[in-house]
Amino acid sequence: MGKTGPVLVLNAGSSSIKFAVFDGGLEETLAGSVEICPEDSARSRGGAKRPPVGADGRCPAVPPDGASDHGQALEVILGRLGQSGIPVGALAGAAHRVVHGGARLTAPCRITPDIIAEIRACIPLAPLHNPHNLAAIETLAEIAPDLPQFASFDTAFHATNPEVARRFAIPDDLHKSNIRRFGFHGISYRALVDGFPGPLPERLLAFHLGNGASLCAIHKGRSVATTMGYSPLDGLTMGTRPGSMDAGAVLEIVARLGLEETREVLNRRSGLLALSGIGPDMRALLDSDAPEAAFAVEHFCYWAARHAGSMIAAMQGVDAIAFTGGIGENAAPVRERIVELLAWSGVAQADIHVIAAREERQIAADALQLMRK
């Protein structure tokens, strides 16, 4: 058995890298995040136009303790670790959240050149996520080439969905080219299952509610259906994403705006932001007296409950409900409204659970398990 801690967990996005350090007993010893200017290296690699920078070469939007790209962000993170008595050489490994693993990467794994190639091949499936995940992996490999790296995939938990749940009713050649339902938030759902207080209900309806939101039908500990599909755009109303839409409506938007502008609208300018005209933050909407804010909250709850009916059908019933994620854990009025809309399901109040999201801990656990093998 090799070293089993500490493990650095990284969750790289377009505007920040979140990090946490766990010891061999899965106790969190350090956590934080580093903000990245919009000129980050992942976007520039993808061909996006870089915004103007100042005379010092840094984007003017970079905060004093932030960074202008993933390389700088990782240097800041490793510097903070060093200041806390955890030099790079003391790390047993680094573990990454990777949003899309495609059809092949369905379990946590050690990162190798072949795995990097697979993650890169999934970029067209998750163009807003995988490039940033990959940038962190490759940049850290340059900074610390001897540090073992591991990946956990948000899509992996849903690999147990039956084919009837995964398949779109489209021609076979398109289906075989990965046009299918994958599902996301899988790391969160797996952590919820592993950390469920008490015996796991046979039929658990799980809500991961945050800026991105989804539901999962968990039957005997396995995902059998979920609301996100080919991309994280599908399913529930979200912070800046619309959720489920008629494909004909999407085609009409493409005809009016063009493909790239449509991507921008559906990923960044829809959802609660579009409905309220205020913003995507559920806290601000709940605090607002504006009727548009109230409508946005009701839209969020209505569609969560409506999609829940589909998940309950996939399990042929429901024994308990669990809420996780930033909204799921902290927005009691949202939980109460969704439960009210699901009163017909017969779930008793005692069978409604609020469970803290523990994605970083789950990623660390995955890496430690791989190292101990």
Protein backbone atom coordinates (compact mmCIF):
# COMPACT_ATOMS: atom_id res chain seq x y z
CA MET A 1 0.00 0.00 0.00
CA GLY A 2 1.37 3.43 -1.00
CA LYS A 3 0.74 6.79 0.56
CA THR A 4 -2.93 7.45 1.23
CA GLY A 5 -3.02 11.14 2.02
CA PRO A 6 -3.23 14.03 1.91
CA VAL A 7 -5.22 14.33 -1.32
CA LEU A 8 -5.82 17.60 -3.14
CA VAL A 9 -9.28 17.81 -4.76
CA LEU A 10 -9.77 20.29 -7.61
CA ASN A 11 -13.01 21.46 -9.20
CA ALA A 12 -12.02 23.69 -12.12
CA GLY A 13 -14.53 25.98 -13.77
CA SER A 14 -14.34 28.92 -16.15
CA SER A 15 -14.21 31.56 -13.43
CA SER A 16 -12.62 29.78 -10.47
CA ILE A 17 -10.88 26.69 -9.19
CA LYS A 18 -12.29 25.32 -5.97
CA PHE A 19 -9.96 23.18 -3.91
CA ALA A 20 -9.98 21.06 -0.78
CA VAL A 21 -7.43 18.90 0.97
CA PHE A 22 -8.38 15.64 2.72
CA ASP A 23 -6.23 13.43 4.90
CA GLY A 24 -6.16 9.64 4.68
CA GLY A 25 -9.18 9.46 6.97
CA LEU A 26 -11.21 11.72 4.64
CA GLU A 27 -11.16 14.64 7.06
CA GLU A 28 -11.06 18.00 5.29
CA THR A 29 -8.03 19.97 6.45
CA LEU A 30 -8.08 22.92 4.04
CA ALA A 31 -10.48 24.37 1.48
CA GLY A 32 -10.96 27.47 -0.62
CA SER A 33 -11.14 28.82 -4.14
CA VAL A 34 -9.19 31.06 -6.48
CA GLU A 35 -10.99 33.39 -8.87
CA ILE A 36 -9.91 33.36 -12.52
CA CYS A 37 -10.26 36.27 -14.93
CA PRO A 38 -12.47 35.51 -17.98
CA GLU A 39 -9.29 35.41 -20.08
CA ASP A 40 -8.47 31.98 -18.60
CA SER A 41 -6.35 29.56 -20.56
CA ALA A 42 -9.11 27.02 -21.16
CA ARG A 43 -11.27 29.53 -23.01
CA SER A 44 -8.34 30.80 -25.04
CA ARG A 45 -7.47 27.21 -26.00
CA GLY A 46 -11.03 26.82 -27.23
CA GLY A 47 -10.61 29.77 -29.57
CA ALA A 48 -12.58 32.36 -27.60
CA LYS A 49 -11.47 35.97 -27.96
CA ARG A 50 -9.42 37.13 -24.99
CA PRO A 51 -10.45 40.38 -23.32
CA PRO A 52 -8.02 43.32 -23.00
CA VAL A 53 -5.36 43.05 -20.33
CA GLY A 54 -3.54 45.68 -18.32
CA ALA A 55 0.05 46.82 -18.62
CA ASP A 56 1.13 44.06 -16.25
CA GLY A 57 -0.34 41.43 -18.56
CA ARG A 58 -3.21 40.62 -16.19
CA CYS A 59 -6.88 41.11 -16.82
CA PRO A 60 -8.14 44.19 -14.95
CA ALA A 61 -10.90 42.05 -13.44
CA VAL A 62 -8.45 39.78 -11.60
CA PRO A 63 -8.89 40.25 -7.83
CA PRO A 64 -5.73 40.73 -5.72
CA ASP A 65 -5.72 37.09 -4.59
CA GLY A 66 -6.95 35.74 -7.93
CA ALA A 67 -5.35 34.64 -11.18
CA SER A 68 -5.51 35.34 -14.89
CA ASP A 69 -5.45 31.68 -15.98
CA HIS A 70 -5.53 28.13 -14.63
CA GLY A 71 -1.74 28.03 -14.34
CA GLN A 72 -1.65 31.05 -12.06
CA ALA A 73 -4.63 29.75 -10.10
CA LEU A 74 -2.92 26.44 -9.43
CA GLU A 75 0.27 28.22 -8.37
CA VAL A 76 -1.79 30.28 -5.92
CA ILE A 77 -3.45 27.12 -4.58
CA LEU A 78 -0.16 25.27 -4.17
CA GLY A 79 1.25 28.37 -2.48
CA ARG A 80 -1.61 28.34 0.02
CA LEU A 81 -1.00 24.65 0.66
CA GLY A 82 2.68 25.34 1.29
CA GLN A 83 1.83 28.12 3.73
CA SER A 84 -0.41 25.63 5.56
CA GLY A 85 2.39 23.09 5.88
CA ILE A 86 1.36 20.92 2.92
CA PRO A 87 4.07 21.16 0.23
CA VAL A 88 3.43 19.52 -3.13
CA GLY A 89 5.84 16.73 -2.26
CA ALA A 90 3.68 15.76 0.72
CA LEU A 91 0.59 15.14 -1.42
CA ALA A 92 -0.30 11.55 -2.20
CA GLY A 93 -2.31 12.63 -5.23
CA ALA A 94 -4.63 15.14 -6.83
CA ALA A 95 -8.23 14.29 -7.72
CA HIS A 96 -10.41 16.15 -10.19
CA ARG A 97 -14.10 16.54 -10.85
CA VAL A 98 -14.62 15.97 -14.58
CA VAL A 99 -18.11 16.74 -15.79
CA HIS A 100 -18.36 14.46 -18.83
CA GLY A 101 -16.86 11.00 -19.17
CA GLY A 102 -18.91 9.97 -22.19
CA ALA A 103 -19.94 6.37 -22.75
CA ARG A 104 -16.55 4.88 -21.82
CA LEU A 105 -15.42 6.59 -18.62
CA THR A 106 -18.00 5.21 -16.21
CA ALA A 107 -15.87 4.80 -13.06
CA PRO A 108 -13.22 6.83 -11.21
CA CYS A 109 -9.75 6.25 -12.62
CA ARG A 110 -6.11 7.28 -12.51
CA ILE A 111 -5.36 9.84 -15.20
CA THR A 112 -3.11 8.60 -18.01
CA PRO A 113 -2.48 9.94 -21.52
CA ASP A 114 -5.28 7.67 -22.78
CA ILE A 115 -7.71 9.03 -20.17
CA ILE A 116 -6.75 12.60 -21.11
CA ALA A 117 -7.51 11.75 -24.74
CA GLU A 118 -10.94 10.40 -23.72
CA ILE A 119 -11.71 13.53 -21.69
CA ARG A 120 -10.65 15.66 -24.65
CA ALA A 121 -12.90 13.63 -26.96
CA CYS A 122 -15.84 14.50 -24.68
CA ILE A 123 -15.31 18.27 -25.06
CA PRO A 124 -18.02 18.52 -27.77
CA LEU A 125 -20.43 16.91 -25.26
CA ALA A 126 -19.58 19.41 -22.49
CA PRO A 127 -17.93 22.43 -24.12
CA LEU A 128 -18.50 24.68 -21.09
CA HIS A 129 -17.01 22.24 -18.58
CA ASN A 130 -14.52 19.65 -19.86
CA PRO A 131 -12.02 22.20 -21.27
CA HIS A 132 -11.61 23.74 -17.82
CA ASN A 133 -11.35 20.34 -16.12
CA LEU A 134 -8.72 19.35 -18.67
CA ALA A 135 -6.83 22.64 -18.27
CA ALA A 136 -6.41 21.99 -14.54
CA ILE A 137 -5.24 18.42 -15.15
CA GLU A 138 -2.68 19.36 -17.78
CA THR A 139 -1.44 22.45 -15.96
CA LEU A 140 -0.94 20.55 -12.71
CA ALA A 141 0.95 17.84 -14.64
CA GLU A 142 3.34 20.55 -15.85
CA ILE A 143 3.80 22.00 -12.35
CA ALA A 144 4.08 18.65 -10.52
CA PRO A 145 4.80 15.93 -13.11
CA ASP A 146 5.37 13.20 -10.50
CA LEU A 147 2.07 13.78 -8.68
CA PRO A 148 -0.49 11.02 -9.42
CA GLN A 149 -3.78 12.45 -10.66
CA PHE A 150 -7.25 10.89 -10.58
CA ALA A 151 -10.64 11.74 -12.04
CA SER A 152 -14.24 11.22 -10.96
CA PHE A 153 -16.96 11.79 -13.56
CA ASP A 154 -20.32 13.46 -13.08
CA THR A 155 -21.86 11.24 -15.75
CA ALA A 156 -20.65 7.92 -14.32
CA PHE A 157 -23.37 7.33 -11.68
CA HIS A 158 -26.03 7.30 -14.39
CA ALA A 159 -24.37 4.55 -16.44
CA THR A 160 -26.80 2.17 -14.68
CA ASN A 161 -29.81 3.78 -16.38
CA PRO A 162 -31.56 1.21 -18.56
CA GLU A 163 -31.21 1.60 -22.32
CA VAL A 164 -34.85 2.65 -22.62
CA ALA A 165 -34.01 5.65 -20.41
CA ARG A 166 -30.79 6.56 -22.22
CA ARG A 167 -31.89 6.30 -25.84
CA PHE A 168 -33.39 9.09 -27.92
CA ALA A 169 -35.82 7.95 -30.62
CA ILE A 170 -33.41 8.92 -33.42
CA PRO A 171 -31.67 6.98 -36.21
CA ASP A 172 -29.15 4.38 -35.09
CA ASP A 173 -26.11 6.08 -36.63
CA LEU A 174 -26.78 9.21 -34.58
CA HIS A 175 -27.33 7.18 -31.41
CA LYS A 176 -24.02 5.36 -31.94
CA SER A 177 -22.26 8.71 -32.30
CA ASN A 178 -23.08 9.51 -28.64
CA ILE A 179 -26.29 11.46 -29.19
CA ARG A 180 -27.95 10.00 -26.11
CA ARG A 181 -28.85 10.84 -22.51
CA PHE A 182 -25.94 10.81 -20.09
CA GLY A 183 -27.07 12.66 -16.95
CA PHE A 184 -24.96 14.79 -14.58
CA HIS A 185 -24.45 15.61 -10.88
CA GLY A 186 -23.54 11.95 -10.48
CA ILE A 187 -20.78 12.60 -7.94
CA SER A 188 -23.28 14.44 -5.74
CA TYR A 189 -25.84 11.63 -6.01
CA ARG A 190 -23.26 8.94 -5.26
CA ALA A 191 -22.10 10.90 -2.20
CA LEU A 192 -25.74 11.20 -1.10
CA VAL A 193 -26.23 7.44 -1.39
CA ASP A 194 -22.98 6.60 0.42
CA GLY A 195 -23.65 9.12 3.20
CA PHE A 196 -27.40 8.62 3.61
CA PRO A 197 -28.38 8.72 7.31
CA GLY A 198 -29.72 5.31 8.21
CA PRO A 199 -30.89 2.54 5.86
CA LEU A 200 -31.12 3.64 2.24
CA PRO A 201 -34.75 3.72 1.04
CA GLU A 202 -35.48 1.34 -1.82
CA ARG A 203 -36.98 4.14 -3.95
CA LEU A 204 -35.30 7.48 -3.29
CA LEU A 205 -36.22 10.67 -5.16
CA ALA A 206 -33.12 12.88 -4.99
CA PHE A 207 -33.08 16.61 -5.78
CA HIS A 208 -29.74 18.30 -6.48
CA LEU A 209 -30.79 21.95 -6.53
CA GLY A 210 -28.31 24.72 -7.17
CA ASN A 211 -27.47 27.04 -10.05
CA GLY A 212 -27.50 23.80 -11.99
CA ALA A 213 -30.38 21.57 -10.92
CA SER A 214 -31.47 18.01 -11.57
CA LEU A 215 -33.43 15.07 -10.16
CA CYS A 216 -32.42 11.45 -9.91
CA ALA A 217 -34.53 8.33 -9.40
CA ILE A 218 -32.40 6.08 -7.19
CA HIS A 219 -33.70 2.52 -6.95
CA LYS A 220 -31.82 0.19 -4.58
CA GLY A 221 -28.85 2.58 -4.63
CA ARG A 222 -28.60 2.82 -8.42
CA SER A 223 -29.60 5.59 -10.78
CA VAL A 224 -32.45 4.44 -13.03
CA ALA A 225 -33.48 7.85 -14.43
CA THR A 226 -32.37 11.48 -14.25
CA THR A 227 -33.55 14.78 -15.67
CA MET A 228 -30.38 16.08 -17.31
CA GLY A 229 -29.72 14.38 -20.62
CA TYR A 230 -27.25 14.80 -23.47
CA SER A 231 -26.10 18.01 -21.83
CA PRO A 232 -26.67 19.87 -18.55
CA LEU A 233 -29.29 22.00 -20.34
CA ASP A 234 -32.12 19.49 -20.01
CA GLY A 235 -34.63 19.00 -17.22
CA LEU A 236 -35.40 21.53 -14.50
CA THR A 237 -35.47 25.32 -14.65
CA MET A 238 -32.00 26.45 -13.52
CA GLY A 239 -30.11 29.62 -12.70
CA THR A 240 -29.25 30.56 -16.28
CA ARG A 241 -30.44 27.46 -18.20
CA PRO A 242 -34.03 26.92 -19.36
CA GLY A 243 -34.42 23.21 -18.68
CA SER A 244 -36.51 21.04 -20.99
CA MET A 245 -37.58 22.70 -24.24
CA ASP A 246 -39.34 21.56 -27.38
CA ALA A 247 -36.63 20.83 -29.97
CA GLY A 248 -38.71 22.79 -32.47
CA ALA A 249 -38.44 25.88 -30.28
CA VAL A 250 -34.65 25.45 -30.09
CA LEU A 251 -34.46 25.11 -33.88
CA GLU A 252 -36.48 28.29 -34.27
CA ILE A 253 -34.12 30.16 -31.92
CA VAL A 254 -31.16 28.88 -33.95
CA ALA A 255 -32.83 30.11 -37.14
CA ARG A 256 -33.30 33.57 -35.61
CA LEU A 257 -30.05 34.00 -33.68
CA GLY A 258 -27.55 31.56 -35.16
CA LEU A 259 -25.92 28.60 -33.45
CA GLU A 260 -23.34 30.36 -31.28
CA GLU A 261 -25.73 33.02 -30.01
CA THR A 262 -28.28 30.31 -29.23
CA ARG A 263 -25.67 28.45 -27.15
CA GLU A 264 -25.02 31.66 -25.23
CA VAL A 265 -28.74 32.29 -24.66
CA LEU A 266 -29.51 28.76 -23.48
CA ASN A 267 -26.47 28.40 -21.24
CA ARG A 268 -26.06 31.87 -19.75
CA ARG A 269 -29.15 34.05 -20.34
CA SER A 270 -32.15 31.85 -19.58
CA GLY A 271 -33.62 30.19 -16.49
CA LEU A 272 -34.27 32.17 -13.31
CA LEU A 273 -32.27 35.08 -14.72
CA ALA A 274 -34.55 35.42 -17.74
CA LEU A 275 -37.79 34.82 -15.85
CA SER A 276 -37.07 37.30 -13.06
CA GLY A 277 -35.05 39.97 -14.79
CA ILE A 278 -33.19 40.19 -11.46
CA GLY A 279 -30.63 37.42 -11.53
CA PRO A 280 -30.09 33.68 -11.01
CA ASP A 281 -29.51 33.78 -7.24
CA MET A 282 -32.38 32.07 -5.44
CA ARG A 283 -31.65 34.00 -2.24
CA ALA A 284 -32.17 37.32 -4.01
CA LEU A 285 -35.39 36.09 -5.60
CA LEU A 286 -36.82 34.90 -2.29
CA ASP A 287 -35.96 38.25 -0.71
CA SER A 288 -37.53 40.25 -3.53
CA ASP A 289 -41.08 41.67 -3.55
CA ALA A 290 -41.16 41.79 -7.35
CA PRO A 291 -43.90 39.66 -8.94
CA GLU A 292 -41.40 38.50 -11.56
CA ALA A 293 -39.21 37.07 -8.80
CA ALA A 294 -42.15 35.21 -7.27
CA PHE A 295 -43.05 33.81 -10.70
CA ALA A 296 -39.47 32.64 -11.28
CA VAL A 297 -39.45 30.80 -7.93
CA GLU A 298 -42.83 29.19 -8.68
CA HIS A 299 -41.60 28.17 -12.14
CA PHE A 300 -38.57 26.51 -10.53
CA CYS A 301 -40.72 24.62 -8.00
CA TYR A 302 -43.47 23.69 -10.47
CA TRP A 303 -41.10 22.12 -12.95
CA ALA A 304 -39.12 20.36 -10.21
CA ALA A 305 -42.34 18.76 -8.98
CA ARG A 306 -43.55 18.01 -12.50
CA HIS A 307 -40.30 16.25 -13.43
CA ALA A 308 -40.46 14.44 -10.07
CA GLY A 309 -43.58 12.68 -11.31
CA SER A 310 -41.53 11.24 -14.16
CA MET A 311 -38.82 10.05 -11.77
CA ILE A 312 -41.41 8.43 -9.50
CA ALA A 313 -42.84 6.60 -12.51
CA ALA A 314 -39.36 5.29 -13.37
CA MET A 315 -39.10 3.76 -9.85
CA GLN A 316 -42.77 2.71 -9.75
CA GLY A 317 -43.24 4.65 -6.53
CA VAL A 318 -41.30 6.62 -3.94
CA ASP A 319 -40.32 5.86 -0.35
CA ALA A 320 -38.34 9.00 0.54
CA ILE A 321 -37.19 12.35 -0.81
CA ALA A 322 -33.74 13.89 -0.35
CA PHE A 323 -32.62 17.45 -1.08
CA THR A 324 -29.00 18.47 -1.60
CA GLY A 325 -27.08 21.32 -3.25
CA GLY A 326 -27.01 25.01 -2.38
CA ILE A 327 -30.73 25.64 -2.94
CA GLY A 328 -31.77 22.19 -1.77
CA GLU A 329 -29.96 22.61 1.54
CA ASN A 330 -30.57 26.28 2.27
CA ALA A 331 -33.82 27.44 0.63
CA ALA A 332 -36.53 26.10 2.95
CA PRO A 333 -39.40 27.87 1.09
CA VAL A 334 -38.37 26.11 -2.12
CA ARG A 335 -38.24 22.70 -0.43
CA GLU A 336 -41.61 23.29 1.23
CA ARG A 337 -43.28 24.31 -2.02
CA ILE A 338 -41.93 21.30 -3.90
CA VAL A 339 -43.03 18.95 -1.12
CA GLU A 340 -46.46 20.62 -1.15
CA LEU A 341 -46.74 20.00 -4.91
CA LEU A 342 -45.79 16.36 -4.31
CA ALA A 343 -48.29 15.75 -1.50
CA TRP A 344 -50.12 13.31 -3.80
CA SER A 345 -47.09 10.96 -3.64
CA GLY A 346 -47.87 10.07 -0.03
CA VAL A 347 -44.32 10.64 1.24
CA ALA A 348 -44.48 11.40 4.96
CA GLN A 349 -42.64 14.38 6.45
CA ALA A 350 -40.39 11.98 8.33
CA ASP A 351 -39.17 10.60 5.00
CA ILE A 352 -37.95 13.98 3.70
CA HIS A 353 -34.22 14.50 4.18
CA VAL A 354 -31.86 17.45 3.73
CA ILE A 355 -28.34 16.19 3.11
CA ALA A 356 -25.22 18.35 2.73
CA ALA A 357 -23.51 18.01 -0.64
CA ARG A 358 -20.16 16.26 -0.19
CA GLU A 359 -18.84 16.07 -3.71
CA GLU A 360 -15.25 16.96 -2.83
CA ARG A 361 -15.12 14.32 -0.11
CA GLN A 362 -16.50 11.73 -2.54
CA ILE A 363 -13.84 12.61 -5.11
CA ALA A 364 -11.14 12.25 -2.45
CA ALA A 365 -12.62 8.89 -1.40
CA ASP A 366 -12.50 7.70 -5.00
CA ALA A 367 -8.82 8.65 -5.31
CA LEU A 368 -7.88 7.05 -1.99
CA GLN A 369 -9.65 3.83 -2.95
CA LEU A 370 -7.74 3.70 -6.24
CA MET A 371 -4.44 4.35 -4.47
CA ARG A 372 -5.12 1.61 -1.92
CA LYS A 373 -5.66 -0.88 -4.71
